Amino acid sequence: MMRKIACLCATSLLLATCAAARVHTTKIGGTISAPNGRPAADVQVMIERSDGSLPLATHTDSHGHFLFKFVPPGLYDIRASDATAASVWKHNLIVHSRKETVVNLHLERRKHALITAPAHSN
């Protein structure tokens, strides 16, 4: 019986800790547009704290929308890119607790497309 009570207390404490951690997080979401102005599907969106820590990545859906959940408040940098286009980095984006931050980015064609070639062995 004591073992069950101890297990129940430990589970309750774990759930309370997880819930408390999420209370102080927020969301970062928005839309990415392609160079032609249309929504950009399957584009990688990257965020990281302005000090370079906590790098996260996701991809846009078929409508160009992206969403990061459970992001701690702070200053963030954000960028979107694919093989042929990229947005500029948006620096020092202020993310507040319990308030969703909306960021819309526009992709611009890269001057040089990313091309990878197999290594040559001699």
C-alpha atoms as a PDB file:
ATOM      1  CA  MET A   1       0.000   0.000   0.000  1.00  0.00           C
ATOM      2  CA  MET A   2       2.802   2.432   0.887  1.00  0.00           C
ATOM      3  CA  ARG A   3       4.489   1.602  -2.395  1.00  0.00           C
ATOM      4  CA  LYS A   4       1.329   2.580  -4.333  1.00  0.00           C
ATOM      5  CA  ILE A   5       1.028   5.853  -2.411  1.00  0.00           C
ATOM      6  CA  ALA A   6       4.695   6.671  -3.049  1.00  0.00           C
ATOM      7  CA  CYS A   7       4.287   5.895  -6.751  1.00  0.00           C
ATOM      8  CA  LEU A   8       1.148   8.051  -6.937  1.00  0.00           C
ATOM      9  CA  CYS A   9       2.934  10.953  -5.204  1.00  0.00           C
ATOM     10  CA  ALA A  10       5.920  10.679  -7.545  1.00  0.00           C
ATOM     11  CA  THR A  11       3.653  10.627 -10.605  1.00  0.00           C
ATOM     12  CA  SER A  12       1.700  13.640  -9.342  1.00  0.00           C
ATOM     13  CA  LEU A  13       4.927  15.557  -8.718  1.00  0.00           C
ATOM     14  CA  LEU A  14       6.215  14.723 -12.206  1.00  0.00           C
ATOM     15  CA  LEU A  15       2.967  15.842 -13.845  1.00  0.00           C
ATOM     16  CA  ALA A  16       2.926  19.074 -11.840  1.00  0.00           C
ATOM     17  CA  THR A  17       6.529  19.801 -12.834  1.00  0.00           C
ATOM     18  CA  CYS A  18       5.784  19.210 -16.525  1.00  0.00           C
ATOM     19  CA  ALA A  19       2.664  21.374 -16.345  1.00  0.00           C
ATOM     20  CA  ALA A  20       4.558  24.170 -14.603  1.00  0.00           C
ATOM     21  CA  ALA A  21       7.292  24.069 -17.254  1.00  0.00           C
ATOM     22  CA  ARG A  22       4.740  24.487 -20.043  1.00  0.00           C
ATOM     23  CA  VAL A  23       2.965  27.380 -18.330  1.00  0.00           C
ATOM     24  CA  HIS A  24       5.924  29.641 -19.060  1.00  0.00           C
ATOM     25  CA  THR A  25       6.342  28.674 -22.707  1.00  0.00           C
ATOM     26  CA  THR A  26       4.764  30.036 -25.833  1.00  0.00           C
ATOM     27  CA  LYS A  27       4.445  29.466 -29.570  1.00  0.00           C
ATOM     28  CA  ILE A  28       6.211  30.972 -32.565  1.00  0.00           C
ATOM     29  CA  GLY A  29       4.301  30.630 -35.816  1.00  0.00           C
ATOM     30  CA  GLY A  30       3.705  32.318 -39.123  1.00  0.00           C
ATOM     31  CA  THR A  31       3.804  31.966 -42.872  1.00  0.00           C
ATOM     32  CA  ILE A  32       6.659  31.687 -45.339  1.00  0.00           C
ATOM     33  CA  SER A  33       6.161  33.058 -48.842  1.00  0.00           C
ATOM     34  CA  ALA A  34       8.119  31.948 -51.905  1.00  0.00           C
ATOM     35  CA  PRO A  35       9.958  34.384 -54.205  1.00  0.00           C
ATOM     36  CA  ASN A  36       6.816  34.506 -56.387  1.00  0.00           C
ATOM     37  CA  GLY A  37       4.703  35.581 -53.374  1.00  0.00           C
ATOM     38  CA  ARG A  38       2.836  32.300 -53.013  1.00  0.00           C
ATOM     39  CA  PRO A  39       2.912  30.187 -49.834  1.00  0.00           C
ATOM     40  CA  ALA A  40       6.107  28.125 -49.638  1.00  0.00           C
ATOM     41  CA  ALA A  41       5.498  24.459 -48.825  1.00  0.00           C
ATOM     42  CA  ASP A  42       8.063  22.137 -47.203  1.00  0.00           C
ATOM     43  CA  VAL A  43      10.541  24.902 -46.363  1.00  0.00           C
ATOM     44  CA  GLN A  44      12.808  24.500 -43.337  1.00  0.00           C
ATOM     45  CA  VAL A  45      12.302  27.130 -40.638  1.00  0.00           C
ATOM     46  CA  MET A  46      15.029  27.478 -38.018  1.00  0.00           C
ATOM     47  CA  ILE A  47      15.011  29.342 -34.720  1.00  0.00           C
ATOM     48  CA  GLU A  48      17.669  29.699 -32.080  1.00  0.00           C
ATOM     49  CA  ARG A  49      18.182  31.925 -29.098  1.00  0.00           C
ATOM     50  CA  SER A  50      20.066  35.076 -30.033  1.00  0.00           C
ATOM     51  CA  ASP A  51      23.071  33.731 -28.099  1.00  0.00           C
ATOM     52  CA  GLY A  52      23.126  30.675 -30.414  1.00  0.00           C
ATOM     53  CA  SER A  53      21.662  28.201 -27.933  1.00  0.00           C
ATOM     54  CA  LEU A  54      18.488  26.117 -28.240  1.00  0.00           C
ATOM     55  CA  PRO A  55      18.461  25.554 -32.020  1.00  0.00           C
ATOM     56  CA  LEU A  56      15.137  24.189 -33.289  1.00  0.00           C
ATOM     57  CA  ALA A  57      13.828  23.437 -36.777  1.00  0.00           C
ATOM     58  CA  THR A  58      10.520  22.566 -38.419  1.00  0.00           C
ATOM     59  CA  HIS A  59       9.029  22.597 -41.929  1.00  0.00           C
ATOM     60  CA  THR A  60       6.140  24.519 -43.430  1.00  0.00           C
ATOM     61  CA  ASP A  61       2.919  22.766 -44.373  1.00  0.00           C
ATOM     62  CA  SER A  62       1.322  22.908 -47.839  1.00  0.00           C
ATOM     63  CA  HIS A  63       0.008  26.424 -47.068  1.00  0.00           C
ATOM     64  CA  GLY A  64       3.386  27.811 -45.998  1.00  0.00           C
ATOM     65  CA  HIS A  65       2.469  27.784 -42.284  1.00  0.00           C
ATOM     66  CA  PHE A  66       4.866  26.743 -39.527  1.00  0.00           C
ATOM     67  CA  LEU A  67       4.561  26.448 -35.759  1.00  0.00           C
ATOM     68  CA  PHE A  68       7.001  25.915 -32.907  1.00  0.00           C
ATOM     69  CA  LYS A  69       5.297  24.909 -29.641  1.00  0.00           C
ATOM     70  CA  PHE A  70       6.573  25.104 -26.048  1.00  0.00           C
ATOM     71  CA  VAL A  71       9.218  27.754 -26.752  1.00  0.00           C
ATOM     72  CA  PRO A  72      10.689  29.396 -23.641  1.00  0.00           C
ATOM     73  CA  PRO A  73      10.487  33.214 -23.645  1.00  0.00           C
ATOM     74  CA  GLY A  74      13.571  35.166 -24.674  1.00  0.00           C
ATOM     75  CA  LEU A  75      15.319  36.689 -27.683  1.00  0.00           C
ATOM     76  CA  TYR A  76      15.398  34.537 -30.826  1.00  0.00           C
ATOM     77  CA  ASP A  77      16.757  34.623 -34.369  1.00  0.00           C
ATOM     78  CA  ILE A  78      14.693  33.024 -37.149  1.00  0.00           C
ATOM     79  CA  ARG A  79      15.276  32.132 -40.786  1.00  0.00           C
ATOM     80  CA  ALA A  80      13.642  30.017 -43.492  1.00  0.00           C
ATOM     81  CA  SER A  81      15.386  28.294 -46.399  1.00  0.00           C
ATOM     82  CA  ASP A  82      15.324  25.561 -48.999  1.00  0.00           C
ATOM     83  CA  ALA A  83      17.800  24.509 -51.688  1.00  0.00           C
ATOM     84  CA  THR A  84      17.080  27.466 -53.990  1.00  0.00           C
ATOM     85  CA  ALA A  85      15.872  30.301 -51.744  1.00  0.00           C
ATOM     86  CA  ALA A  86      16.282  31.749 -48.265  1.00  0.00           C
ATOM     87  CA  SER A  87      14.964  34.541 -46.104  1.00  0.00           C
ATOM     88  CA  VAL A  88      17.230  36.940 -44.283  1.00  0.00           C
ATOM     89  CA  TRP A  89      17.807  36.216 -40.601  1.00  0.00           C
ATOM     90  CA  LYS A  90      15.387  38.119 -38.402  1.00  0.00           C
ATOM     91  CA  HIS A  91      17.429  38.863 -35.276  1.00  0.00           C
ATOM     92  CA  ASN A  92      16.461  39.575 -31.662  1.00  0.00           C
ATOM     93  CA  LEU A  93      12.819  38.590 -32.016  1.00  0.00           C
ATOM     94  CA  ILE A  94      11.251  39.131 -28.586  1.00  0.00           C
ATOM     95  CA  VAL A  95       9.226  36.109 -27.464  1.00  0.00           C
ATOM     96  CA  HIS A  96       6.968  36.688 -24.454  1.00  0.00           C
ATOM     97  CA  SER A  97       5.569  34.039 -22.108  1.00  0.00           C
ATOM     98  CA  ARG A  98       2.000  32.930 -22.866  1.00  0.00           C
ATOM     99  CA  LYS A  99       1.756  35.140 -25.983  1.00  0.00           C
ATOM    100  CA  GLU A 100       2.110  33.622 -29.453  1.00  0.00           C
ATOM    101  CA  THR A 101       4.680  35.373 -31.620  1.00  0.00           C
ATOM    102  CA  VAL A 102       3.796  35.655 -35.312  1.00  0.00           C
ATOM    103  CA  VAL A 103       6.578  35.922 -37.874  1.00  0.00           C
ATOM    104  CA  ASN A 104       6.071  36.064 -41.627  1.00  0.00           C
ATOM    105  CA  LEU A 105       9.138  35.658 -43.819  1.00  0.00           C
ATOM    106  CA  HIS A 106       9.726  36.022 -47.551  1.00  0.00           C
ATOM    107  CA  LEU A 107      12.151  33.804 -49.434  1.00  0.00           C
ATOM    108  CA  GLU A 108      14.499  35.297 -52.009  1.00  0.00           C
ATOM    109  CA  ARG A 109      16.297  33.308 -54.682  1.00  0.00           C
ATOM    110  CA  ARG A 110      19.869  32.430 -53.800  1.00  0.00           C
ATOM    111  CA  LYS A 111      22.474  33.861 -56.123  1.00  0.00           C
ATOM    112  CA  HIS A 112      24.102  30.434 -56.221  1.00  0.00           C
ATOM    113  CA  ALA A 113      21.968  27.322 -55.737  1.00  0.00           C
ATOM    114  CA  LEU A 114      23.245  24.802 -53.244  1.00  0.00           C
ATOM    115  CA  ILE A 115      24.772  21.998 -55.264  1.00  0.00           C
ATOM    116  CA  THR A 116      26.355  18.955 -53.737  1.00  0.00           C
ATOM    117  CA  ALA A 117      28.579  16.703 -55.762  1.00  0.00           C
ATOM    118  CA  PRO A 118      29.943  13.308 -54.809  1.00  0.00           C
ATOM    119  CA  ALA A 119      33.517  13.322 -53.613  1.00  0.00           C
ATOM    120  CA  HIS A 120      36.013  12.121 -56.180  1.00  0.00           C
ATOM    121  CA  SER A 121      38.371   9.373 -55.194  1.00  0.00           C
ATOM    122  CA  ASN A 122      41.707   9.254 -56.974  1.00  0.00           C
END
